[in-house]
């Protein structure tokens, strides 16, 4: 079974984005308002990578 790691990583990133409401963004003192955009960008890149890979999620090698 392949392709599941990308989905797991995207889910973890999504949870971390949701946890931004816990004010962890202040860990980046110079520009905390950028954190949400960074997480959004990373999630979008991961989704694009999932689409362009050869095997479907859960498919065989």
PDB file of N, CA and C in Angstrom:
ATOM      1  N   UNK A   1       0.852  -1.176   0.000  1.00  0.00           N
ATOM      2  CA  UNK A   1       0.000   0.000   0.000  1.00  0.00           C
ATOM      3  C   UNK A   1       0.894   1.235   0.000  1.00  0.00           C
ATOM      4  N   UNK A   2       0.713   2.101  -0.979  1.00  0.00           N
ATOM      5  CA  UNK A   2       1.534   3.305  -1.080  1.00  0.00           C
ATOM      6  C   UNK A   2       0.642   4.533  -1.128  1.00  0.00           C
ATOM      7  N   UNK A   3       1.241   5.674  -0.929  1.00  0.00           N
ATOM      8  CA  UNK A   3       0.521   6.934  -1.013  1.00  0.00           C
ATOM      9  C   UNK A   3      -0.101   7.405   0.286  1.00  0.00           C
ATOM     10  N   UNK A   4      -0.079   6.594   1.305  1.00  0.00           N
ATOM     11  CA  UNK A   4      -0.729   6.979   2.559  1.00  0.00           C
ATOM     12  C   UNK A   4       0.097   7.978   3.349  1.00  0.00           C
ATOM     13  N   UNK A   5       1.405   7.969   3.181  1.00  0.00           N
ATOM     14  CA  UNK A   5       2.251   8.883   3.958  1.00  0.00           C
ATOM     15  C   UNK A   5       1.951  10.338   3.637  1.00  0.00           C
ATOM     16  N   UNK A   6       1.680  10.637   2.372  1.00  0.00           N
ATOM     17  CA  UNK A   6       1.362  12.013   1.986  1.00  0.00           C
ATOM     18  C   UNK A   6       0.069  12.464   2.657  1.00  0.00           C
ATOM     19  N   UNK A   7      -0.915  11.576   2.677  1.00  0.00           N
ATOM     20  CA  UNK A   7      -2.194  11.920   3.298  1.00  0.00           C
ATOM     21  C   UNK A   7      -2.017  12.123   4.798  1.00  0.00           C
ATOM     22  N   UNK A   8      -1.227  11.275   5.434  1.00  0.00           N
ATOM     23  CA  UNK A   8      -0.976  11.422   6.873  1.00  0.00           C
ATOM     24  C   UNK A   8      -0.272  12.748   7.143  1.00  0.00           C
ATOM     25  N   UNK A   9       0.737  13.068   6.331  1.00  0.00           N
ATOM     26  CA  UNK A   9       1.459  14.327   6.520  1.00  0.00           C
ATOM     27  C   UNK A   9       0.532  15.524   6.306  1.00  0.00           C
ATOM     28  N   UNK A  10      -0.341  15.456   5.302  1.00  0.00           N
ATOM     29  CA  UNK A  10      -1.281  16.550   5.058  1.00  0.00           C
ATOM     30  C   UNK A  10      -2.270  16.691   6.220  1.00  0.00           C
ATOM     31  N   UNK A  11      -2.724  15.569   6.768  1.00  0.00           N
ATOM     32  CA  UNK A  11      -3.646  15.614   7.907  1.00  0.00           C
ATOM     33  C   UNK A  11      -2.976  16.239   9.131  1.00  0.00           C
ATOM     34  N   UNK A  12      -1.725  15.860   9.367  1.00  0.00           N
ATOM     35  CA  UNK A  12      -0.982  16.432  10.497  1.00  0.00           C
ATOM     36  C   UNK A  12      -0.837  17.940  10.308  1.00  0.00           C
ATOM     37  N   UNK A  13      -0.516  18.352   9.095  1.00  0.00           N
ATOM     38  CA  UNK A  13      -0.361  19.774   8.819  1.00  0.00           C
ATOM     39  C   UNK A  13      -1.680  20.523   9.006  1.00  0.00           C
ATOM     40  N   UNK A  14      -2.773  19.893   8.612  1.00  0.00           N
ATOM     41  CA  UNK A  14      -4.091  20.494   8.791  1.00  0.00           C
ATOM     42  C   UNK A  14      -4.393  20.700  10.266  1.00  0.00           C
ATOM     43  N   UNK A  15      -4.084  19.700  11.072  1.00  0.00           N
ATOM     44  CA  UNK A  15      -4.305  19.812  12.518  1.00  0.00           C
ATOM     45  C   UNK A  15      -3.441  20.926  13.093  1.00  0.00           C
ATOM     46  N   UNK A  16      -2.196  20.990  12.653  1.00  0.00           N
ATOM     47  CA  UNK A  16      -1.324  22.057  13.144  1.00  0.00           C
ATOM     48  C   UNK A  16      -1.862  23.431  12.754  1.00  0.00           C
ATOM     49  N   UNK A  17      -2.416  23.538  11.563  1.00  0.00           N
ATOM     50  CA  UNK A  17      -3.018  24.801  11.143  1.00  0.00           C
ATOM     51  C   UNK A  17      -4.200  25.182  12.032  1.00  0.00           C
ATOM     52  N   UNK A  18      -5.009  24.175  12.376  1.00  0.00           N
ATOM     53  CA  UNK A  18      -6.145  24.427  13.263  1.00  0.00           C
ATOM     54  C   UNK A  18      -5.677  24.842  14.654  1.00  0.00           C
ATOM     55  N   UNK A  19      -4.558  24.292  15.075  1.00  0.00           N
ATOM     56  CA  UNK A  19      -4.030  24.612  16.398  1.00  0.00           C
ATOM     57  C   UNK A  19      -3.445  26.021  16.478  1.00  0.00           C
ATOM     58  N   UNK A  20      -3.416  26.689  15.339  1.00  0.00           N
ATOM     59  CA  UNK A  20      -2.913  28.064  15.347  1.00  0.00           C
ATOM     60  C   UNK A  20      -3.757  28.924  16.286  1.00  0.00           C
ATOM     61  N   UNK A  21      -4.997  28.545  16.475  1.00  0.00           N
ATOM     62  CA  UNK A  21      -5.863  29.269  17.388  1.00  0.00           C
ATOM     63  C   UNK A  21      -5.372  29.236  18.821  1.00  0.00           C
ATOM     64  N   UNK A  22      -4.455  28.333  19.117  1.00  0.00           N
ATOM     65  CA  UNK A  22      -3.876  28.258  20.458  1.00  0.00           C
ATOM     66  C   UNK A  22      -2.734  29.248  20.647  1.00  0.00           C
ATOM     67  N   UNK A  23      -2.546  30.112  19.665  1.00  0.00           N
ATOM     68  CA  UNK A  23      -1.571  31.203  19.748  1.00  0.00           C
ATOM     69  C   UNK A  23      -0.121  30.733  19.707  1.00  0.00           C
ATOM     70  N   UNK A  24       0.117  29.566  19.097  1.00  0.00           N
ATOM     71  CA  UNK A  24       1.503  29.108  18.964  1.00  0.00           C
ATOM     72  C   UNK A  24       2.253  29.938  17.945  1.00  0.00           C
ATOM     73  N   UNK A  25       1.528  30.739  17.163  1.00  0.00           N
ATOM     74  CA  UNK A  25       2.163  31.572  16.148  1.00  0.00           C
ATOM     75  C   UNK A  25       3.106  32.600  16.749  1.00  0.00           C
ATOM     76  N   UNK A  26       2.947  32.890  18.022  1.00  0.00           N
ATOM     77  CA  UNK A  26       3.842  33.853  18.655  1.00  0.00           C
ATOM     78  C   UNK A  26       5.247  33.297  18.841  1.00  0.00           C
ATOM     79  N   UNK A  27       5.444  32.036  18.504  1.00  0.00           N
ATOM     80  CA  UNK A  27       6.791  31.472  18.513  1.00  0.00           C
ATOM     81  C   UNK A  27       7.646  32.086  17.410  1.00  0.00           C
ATOM     82  N   UNK A  28       6.989  32.713  16.438  1.00  0.00           N
ATOM     83  CA  UNK A  28       7.702  33.421  15.376  1.00  0.00           C
ATOM     84  C   UNK A  28       7.556  34.908  15.671  1.00  0.00           C
ATOM     85  N   UNK A  29       8.487  35.470  16.427  1.00  0.00           N
ATOM     86  CA  UNK A  29       8.308  36.822  16.954  1.00  0.00           C
ATOM     87  C   UNK A  29       8.320  37.937  15.916  1.00  0.00           C
ATOM     88  N   UNK A  30       9.017  37.765  14.808  1.00  0.00           N
ATOM     89  CA  UNK A  30       9.156  38.879  13.869  1.00  0.00           C
ATOM     90  C   UNK A  30       7.915  39.115  13.017  1.00  0.00           C
ATOM     91  N   UNK A  31       7.189  38.052  12.675  1.00  0.00           N
ATOM     92  CA  UNK A  31       6.053  38.229  11.774  1.00  0.00           C
ATOM     93  C   UNK A  31       5.047  37.099  11.946  1.00  0.00           C
ATOM     94  N   UNK A  32       4.346  37.037  13.063  1.00  0.00           N
ATOM     95  CA  UNK A  32       3.437  35.910  13.330  1.00  0.00           C
ATOM     96  C   UNK A  32       2.243  35.816  12.393  1.00  0.00           C
ATOM     97  N   UNK A  33       1.838  36.909  11.748  1.00  0.00           N
ATOM     98  CA  UNK A  33       0.680  36.827  10.866  1.00  0.00           C
ATOM     99  C   UNK A  33       0.971  36.041   9.589  1.00  0.00           C
ATOM    100  N   UNK A  34       2.233  35.759   9.324  1.00  0.00           N
ATOM    101  CA  UNK A  34       2.616  35.006   8.131  1.00  0.00           C
ATOM    102  C   UNK A  34       2.423  33.502   8.323  1.00  0.00           C
ATOM    103  N   UNK A  35       2.342  33.041   9.556  1.00  0.00           N
ATOM    104  CA  UNK A  35       2.296  31.611   9.850  1.00  0.00           C
ATOM    105  C   UNK A  35       1.133  30.915   9.154  1.00  0.00           C
ATOM    106  N   UNK A  36      -0.039  31.478   9.193  1.00  0.00           N
ATOM    107  CA  UNK A  36      -1.195  30.870   8.539  1.00  0.00           C
ATOM    108  C   UNK A  36      -0.991  30.710   7.044  1.00  0.00           C
ATOM    109  N   UNK A  37      -0.398  31.723   6.423  1.00  0.00           N
ATOM    110  CA  UNK A  37      -0.136  31.648   4.989  1.00  0.00           C
ATOM    111  C   UNK A  37       0.906  30.583   4.678  1.00  0.00           C
ATOM    112  N   UNK A  38       1.901  30.449   5.529  1.00  0.00           N
ATOM    113  CA  UNK A  38       2.929  29.421   5.319  1.00  0.00           C
ATOM    114  C   UNK A  38       2.304  28.036   5.391  1.00  0.00           C
ATOM    115  N   UNK A  39       1.483  27.783   6.408  1.00  0.00           N
ATOM    116  CA  UNK A  39       0.829  26.482   6.533  1.00  0.00           C
ATOM    117  C   UNK A  39      -0.101  26.215   5.359  1.00  0.00           C
ATOM    118  N   UNK A  40      -0.806  27.228   4.894  1.00  0.00           N
ATOM    119  CA  UNK A  40      -1.674  27.073   3.739  1.00  0.00           C
ATOM    120  C   UNK A  40      -0.865  26.701   2.497  1.00  0.00           C
ATOM    121  N   UNK A  41       0.254  27.360   2.318  1.00  0.00           N
ATOM    122  CA  UNK A  41       1.118  27.065   1.171  1.00  0.00           C
ATOM    123  C   UNK A  41       1.678  25.657   1.214  1.00  0.00           C
ATOM    124  N   UNK A  42       2.114  25.233   2.375  1.00  0.00           N
ATOM    125  CA  UNK A  42       2.653  23.880   2.514  1.00  0.00           C
ATOM    126  C   UNK A  42       1.568  22.848   2.222  1.00  0.00           C
ATOM    127  N   UNK A  43       0.384  23.067   2.750  1.00  0.00           N
ATOM    128  CA  UNK A  43      -0.721  22.146   2.490  1.00  0.00           C
ATOM    129  C   UNK A  43      -1.072  22.085   1.010  1.00  0.00           C
ATOM    130  N   UNK A  44      -1.074  23.234   0.336  1.00  0.00           N
ATOM    131  CA  UNK A  44      -1.380  23.272  -1.098  1.00  0.00           C
ATOM    132  C   UNK A  44      -0.323  22.523  -1.902  1.00  0.00           C
ATOM    133  N   UNK A  45       0.935  22.715  -1.558  1.00  0.00           N
ATOM    134  CA  UNK A  45       2.018  22.004  -2.245  1.00  0.00           C
ATOM    135  C   UNK A  45       1.878  20.502  -2.038  1.00  0.00           C
ATOM    136  N   UNK A  46       1.559  20.094  -0.836  1.00  0.00           N
ATOM    137  CA  UNK A  46       1.391  18.662  -0.569  1.00  0.00           C
ATOM    138  C   UNK A  46       0.233  18.087  -1.379  1.00  0.00           C
ATOM    139  N   UNK A  47      -0.860  18.830  -1.506  1.00  0.00           N
ATOM    140  CA  UNK A  47      -1.998  18.359  -2.287  1.00  0.00           C
ATOM    141  C   UNK A  47      -1.614  18.218  -3.762  1.00  0.00           C
ATOM    142  N   UNK A  48      -0.869  19.182  -4.295  1.00  0.00           N
ATOM    143  CA  UNK A  48      -0.422  19.109  -5.687  1.00  0.00           C
ATOM    144  C   UNK A  48       0.499  17.905  -5.876  1.00  0.00           C
ATOM    145  N   UNK A  49       1.408  17.689  -4.946  1.00  0.00           N
ATOM    146  CA  UNK A  49       2.306  16.541  -5.044  1.00  0.00           C
ATOM    147  C   UNK A  49       1.530  15.230  -5.022  1.00  0.00           C
ATOM    148  N   UNK A  50       0.482  15.166  -4.219  1.00  0.00           N
ATOM    149  CA  UNK A  50      -0.335  13.954  -4.169  1.00  0.00           C
ATOM    150  C   UNK A  50      -0.997  13.693  -5.515  1.00  0.00           C
ATOM    151  N   UNK A  51      -1.421  14.760  -6.190  1.00  0.00           N
ATOM    152  CA  UNK A  51      -2.095  14.611  -7.474  1.00  0.00           C
ATOM    153  C   UNK A  51      -1.129  14.155  -8.567  1.00  0.00           C
ATOM    154  N   UNK A  52       0.097  14.631  -8.535  1.00  0.00           N
ATOM    155  CA  UNK A  52       1.036  14.323  -9.620  1.00  0.00           C
ATOM    156  C   UNK A  52       1.837  13.046  -9.399  1.00  0.00           C
ATOM    157  N   UNK A  53       1.687  12.381  -8.280  1.00  0.00           N
ATOM    158  CA  UNK A  53       2.411  11.127  -8.083  1.00  0.00           C
ATOM    159  C   UNK A  53       1.762  10.011  -8.885  1.00  0.00           C
ATOM    160  N   UNK A  54       2.528   8.929  -9.107  1.00  0.00           N
ATOM    161  CA  UNK A  54       2.067   7.859  -9.976  1.00  0.00           C
ATOM    162  C   UNK A  54       1.032   6.932  -9.369  1.00  0.00           C
ATOM    163  N   UNK A  55       1.153   6.627  -8.099  1.00  0.00           N
ATOM    164  CA  UNK A  55       0.236   5.643  -7.512  1.00  0.00           C
ATOM    165  C   UNK A  55      -0.892   6.328  -6.762  1.00  0.00           C
ATOM    166  N   UNK A  56      -2.082   5.762  -6.820  1.00  0.00           N
ATOM    167  CA  UNK A  56      -3.183   6.329  -6.053  1.00  0.00           C
ATOM    168  C   UNK A  56      -2.992   6.048  -4.559  1.00  0.00           C
ATOM    169  N   UNK A  57      -3.672   6.789  -3.738  1.00  0.00           N
ATOM    170  CA  UNK A  57      -3.593   6.563  -2.298  1.00  0.00           C
ATOM    171  C   UNK A  57      -4.045   5.135  -2.013  1.00  0.00           C
ATOM    172  N   UNK A  58      -3.202   4.382  -1.324  1.00  0.00           N
ATOM    173  CA  UNK A  58      -3.527   3.005  -0.980  1.00  0.00           C
ATOM    174  C   UNK A  58      -3.293   2.018  -2.098  1.00  0.00           C
ATOM    175  N   UNK A  59      -2.760   2.476  -3.239  1.00  0.00           N
ATOM    176  CA  UNK A  59      -2.543   1.572  -4.373  1.00  0.00           C
ATOM    177  C   UNK A  59      -1.316   0.691  -4.178  1.00  0.00           C
ATOM    178  N   UNK A  60      -1.207  -0.289  -5.048  1.00  0.00           N
ATOM    179  CA  UNK A  60      -0.057  -1.196  -5.011  1.00  0.00           C
ATOM    180  C   UNK A  60       1.095  -0.597  -5.796  1.00  0.00           C
ATOM    181  N   UNK A  61       2.312  -1.006  -5.451  1.00  0.00           N
ATOM    182  CA  UNK A  61       3.506  -0.511  -6.160  1.00  0.00           C
ATOM    183  C   UNK A  61       3.548  -1.027  -7.577  1.00  0.00           C
TER     184      UNK A  61
END
